[in-house]
Amino acid sequence: MSYATRLGPVAAPLREADQATGEKIITVLPAALAPF
């Protein structure tokens, strides 16, 4: 994520939010793919 490094101080909370979003996606993804 090169855009996050350029933001400097703003990057830390952004990265945390991004990680949380990623974890949610990983949690929801198997349930979403189950019907297929």
PDB file of N, CA and C in Angstrom:
ATOM      1  N   MET A   1       0.834  -1.195   0.000  1.00  0.00           N
ATOM      2  CA  MET A   1       0.000   0.000   0.000  1.00  0.00           C
ATOM      3  C   MET A   1       0.873   1.251   0.000  1.00  0.00           C
ATOM      4  N   SER A   2       1.274   1.682  -1.146  1.00  0.00           N
ATOM      5  CA  SER A   2       2.192   2.817  -1.236  1.00  0.00           C
ATOM      6  C   SER A   2       1.506   4.129  -0.884  1.00  0.00           C
ATOM      7  N   TYR A   3       0.190   4.221  -1.100  1.00  0.00           N
ATOM      8  CA  TYR A   3      -0.506   5.474  -0.808  1.00  0.00           C
ATOM      9  C   TYR A   3      -0.495   5.764   0.695  1.00  0.00           C
ATOM     10  N   ALA A   4      -0.535   4.714   1.525  1.00  0.00           N
ATOM     11  CA  ALA A   4      -0.572   4.888   2.974  1.00  0.00           C
ATOM     12  C   ALA A   4       0.743   5.458   3.499  1.00  0.00           C
ATOM     13  N   THR A   5       1.863   5.036   2.904  1.00  0.00           N
ATOM     14  CA  THR A   5       3.158   5.514   3.383  1.00  0.00           C
ATOM     15  C   THR A   5       3.343   6.988   3.066  1.00  0.00           C
ATOM     16  N   ARG A   6       2.767   7.460   1.974  1.00  0.00           N
ATOM     17  CA  ARG A   6       2.920   8.860   1.585  1.00  0.00           C
ATOM     18  C   ARG A   6       2.149   9.802   2.514  1.00  0.00           C
ATOM     19  N   LEU A   7       1.114   9.294   3.157  1.00  0.00           N
ATOM     20  CA  LEU A   7       0.276  10.155   3.994  1.00  0.00           C
ATOM     21  C   LEU A   7       0.929  10.491   5.330  1.00  0.00           C
ATOM     22  N   GLY A   8       1.934   9.707   5.739  1.00  0.00           N
ATOM     23  CA  GLY A   8       2.654   9.989   6.977  1.00  0.00           C
ATOM     24  C   GLY A   8       1.825   9.691   8.217  1.00  0.00           C
ATOM     25  N   PRO A   9       1.591  10.703   9.086  1.00  0.00           N
ATOM     26  CA  PRO A   9       0.883  10.494  10.357  1.00  0.00           C
ATOM     27  C   PRO A   9      -0.526   9.938  10.172  1.00  0.00           C
ATOM     28  N   VAL A  10      -1.147  10.276   9.053  1.00  0.00           N
ATOM     29  CA  VAL A  10      -2.518   9.823   8.800  1.00  0.00           C
ATOM     30  C   VAL A  10      -2.544   8.334   8.480  1.00  0.00           C
ATOM     31  N   ALA A  11      -1.392   7.799   8.068  1.00  0.00           N
ATOM     32  CA  ALA A  11      -1.329   6.426   7.584  1.00  0.00           C
ATOM     33  C   ALA A  11      -1.661   5.400   8.668  1.00  0.00           C
ATOM     34  N   ALA A  12      -1.258   5.661   9.915  1.00  0.00           N
ATOM     35  CA  ALA A  12      -1.440   4.677  10.981  1.00  0.00           C
ATOM     36  C   ALA A  12      -2.909   4.323  11.225  1.00  0.00           C
ATOM     37  N   PRO A  13      -3.792   5.301  11.522  1.00  0.00           N
ATOM     38  CA  PRO A  13      -5.210   4.956  11.701  1.00  0.00           C
ATOM     39  C   PRO A  13      -5.828   4.386  10.434  1.00  0.00           C
ATOM     40  N   LEU A  14      -5.374   4.884   9.290  1.00  0.00           N
ATOM     41  CA  LEU A  14      -5.896   4.389   8.019  1.00  0.00           C
ATOM     42  C   LEU A  14      -5.545   2.918   7.839  1.00  0.00           C
ATOM     43  N   ARG A  15      -4.308   2.570   8.193  1.00  0.00           N
ATOM     44  CA  ARG A  15      -3.867   1.185   8.062  1.00  0.00           C
ATOM     45  C   ARG A  15      -4.643   0.294   9.023  1.00  0.00           C
ATOM     46  N   GLU A  16      -4.910   0.806  10.229  1.00  0.00           N
ATOM     47  CA  GLU A  16      -5.688   0.036  11.205  1.00  0.00           C
ATOM     48  C   GLU A  16      -7.105  -0.202  10.700  1.00  0.00           C
ATOM     49  N   ALA A  17      -7.709   0.835  10.145  1.00  0.00           N
ATOM     50  CA  ALA A  17      -9.060   0.709   9.602  1.00  0.00           C
ATOM     51  C   ALA A  17      -9.066  -0.261   8.432  1.00  0.00           C
ATOM     52  N   ASP A  18      -8.029  -0.176   7.601  1.00  0.00           N
ATOM     53  CA  ASP A  18      -7.906  -1.055   6.451  1.00  0.00           C
ATOM     54  C   ASP A  18      -7.781  -2.507   6.895  1.00  0.00           C
ATOM     55  N   GLN A  19      -7.002  -2.727   7.956  1.00  0.00           N
ATOM     56  CA  GLN A  19      -6.801  -4.077   8.474  1.00  0.00           C
ATOM     57  C   GLN A  19      -8.109  -4.629   9.036  1.00  0.00           C
ATOM     58  N   ALA A  20      -8.846  -3.790   9.750  1.00  0.00           N
ATOM     59  CA  ALA A  20     -10.129  -4.201  10.310  1.00  0.00           C
ATOM     60  C   ALA A  20     -11.110  -4.551   9.198  1.00  0.00           C
ATOM     61  N   THR A  21     -11.113  -3.744   8.147  1.00  0.00           N
ATOM     62  CA  THR A  21     -11.982  -4.014   7.000  1.00  0.00           C
ATOM     63  C   THR A  21     -11.596  -5.331   6.351  1.00  0.00           C
ATOM     64  N   GLY A  22     -10.289  -5.552   6.208  1.00  0.00           N
ATOM     65  CA  GLY A  22      -9.799  -6.796   5.623  1.00  0.00           C
ATOM     66  C   GLY A  22     -10.220  -8.005   6.438  1.00  0.00           C
ATOM     67  N   GLU A  23     -10.140  -7.871   7.766  1.00  0.00           N
ATOM     68  CA  GLU A  23     -10.545  -8.978   8.629  1.00  0.00           C
ATOM     69  C   GLU A  23     -12.032  -9.266   8.485  1.00  0.00           C
ATOM     70  N   LYS A  24     -12.837  -8.217   8.378  1.00  0.00           N
ATOM     71  CA  LYS A  24     -14.285  -8.404   8.198  1.00  0.00           C
ATOM     72  C   LYS A  24     -14.573  -9.110   6.883  1.00  0.00           C
ATOM     73  N   ILE A  25     -13.862  -8.700   5.831  1.00  0.00           N
ATOM     74  CA  ILE A  25     -14.055  -9.318   4.514  1.00  0.00           C
ATOM     75  C   ILE A  25     -13.692 -10.799   4.574  1.00  0.00           C
ATOM     76  N   ILE A  26     -12.566 -11.105   5.243  1.00  0.00           N
ATOM     77  CA  ILE A  26     -12.127 -12.498   5.362  1.00  0.00           C
ATOM     78  C   ILE A  26     -13.156 -13.314   6.141  1.00  0.00           C
ATOM     79  N   THR A  27     -13.778 -12.678   7.142  1.00  0.00           N
ATOM     80  CA  THR A  27     -14.780 -13.376   7.951  1.00  0.00           C
ATOM     81  C   THR A  27     -16.056 -13.628   7.152  1.00  0.00           C
ATOM     82  N   VAL A  28     -16.465 -12.650   6.356  1.00  0.00           N
ATOM     83  CA  VAL A  28     -17.738 -12.727   5.634  1.00  0.00           C
ATOM     84  C   VAL A  28     -17.606 -13.520   4.332  1.00  0.00           C
ATOM     85  N   LEU A  29     -16.409 -13.528   3.761  1.00  0.00           N
ATOM     86  CA  LEU A  29     -16.210 -14.124   2.444  1.00  0.00           C
ATOM     87  C   LEU A  29     -16.639 -15.592   2.352  1.00  0.00           C
ATOM     88  N   PRO A  30     -16.213 -16.466   3.276  1.00  0.00           N
ATOM     89  CA  PRO A  30     -16.634 -17.880   3.174  1.00  0.00           C
ATOM     90  C   PRO A  30     -18.151 -18.046   3.200  1.00  0.00           C
ATOM     91  N   ALA A  31     -18.832 -17.245   4.022  1.00  0.00           N
ATOM     92  CA  ALA A  31     -20.290 -17.311   4.100  1.00  0.00           C
ATOM     93  C   ALA A  31     -20.917 -16.851   2.786  1.00  0.00           C
ATOM     94  N   ALA A  32     -20.304 -15.839   2.167  1.00  0.00           N
ATOM     95  CA  ALA A  32     -20.832 -15.319   0.910  1.00  0.00           C
ATOM     96  C   ALA A  32     -20.620 -16.313  -0.232  1.00  0.00           C
ATOM     97  N   LEU A  33     -19.509 -17.058  -0.165  1.00  0.00           N
ATOM     98  CA  LEU A  33     -19.188 -17.992  -1.247  1.00  0.00           C
ATOM     99  C   LEU A  33     -19.835 -19.362  -1.051  1.00  0.00           C
ATOM    100  N   ALA A  34     -20.336 -19.630   0.151  1.00  0.00           N
ATOM    101  CA  ALA A  34     -20.885 -20.951   0.464  1.00  0.00           C
ATOM    102  C   ALA A  34     -21.961 -21.430  -0.515  1.00  0.00           C
ATOM    103  N   PRO A  35     -22.927 -20.576  -0.915  1.00  0.00           N
ATOM    104  CA  PRO A  35     -23.965 -21.050  -1.848  1.00  0.00           C
ATOM    105  C   PRO A  35     -23.403 -21.521  -3.187  1.00  0.00           C
ATOM    106  N   PHE A  36     -22.256 -20.970  -3.588  1.00  0.00           N
ATOM    107  CA  PHE A  36     -21.656 -21.364  -4.855  1.00  0.00           C
ATOM    108  C   PHE A  36     -20.764 -22.578  -4.647  1.00  0.00           C
TER     109      PHE A  36
END
